[in-house]
């Protein structure tokens, strides 16, 4: 069973699994912010199971594929997930993270408060993106990188997550 706050707006083109929490004022599945496709969205949004999507988050419908949210993600207040994005599993997005269209975020990534990710970017497994980081189109990530700054750059390894996953 899903909990969907009465103020949340969920478009007809959204497919959702079970055990999800959709908080107040979320807007999911409406037309993408893409000049060639607005206001028509040929694709929708697919949301897996066990996600927590808190207040004021927006998730745009896709233009060339469904925008997809995997399982067990925690997407905090005021995040924006652009059209055609894929957010895999166990991802943490702190408040006000912005993902440009066609971005892929792999398992166990953690994006800090206010981080902005350029469209067509890939955030690899276990990456930690620091608060306020601006991930430009030129940054290439590797699994378990720690990334910070404006423009963002790799500053080390996400040793905390590496050690945590070894213990599981």
Foldseek 3Di string as FASTA:
>chain_A
DEAAPPQEAEDPQEAEEDQEYHEHPEYAFAAFPDVVAPRHAPHGEYEYHNEYAYEQEYEYAARPYGAYHEHNEYHDYNEYHGHCEYEYHHEYEYHQEYEYACEYEDAQEYEAANEYAHHVYYHDAQEYEYHNEYDDPPEDDDHQFYWYDVPIDTDGGNVVVVVVVVVD
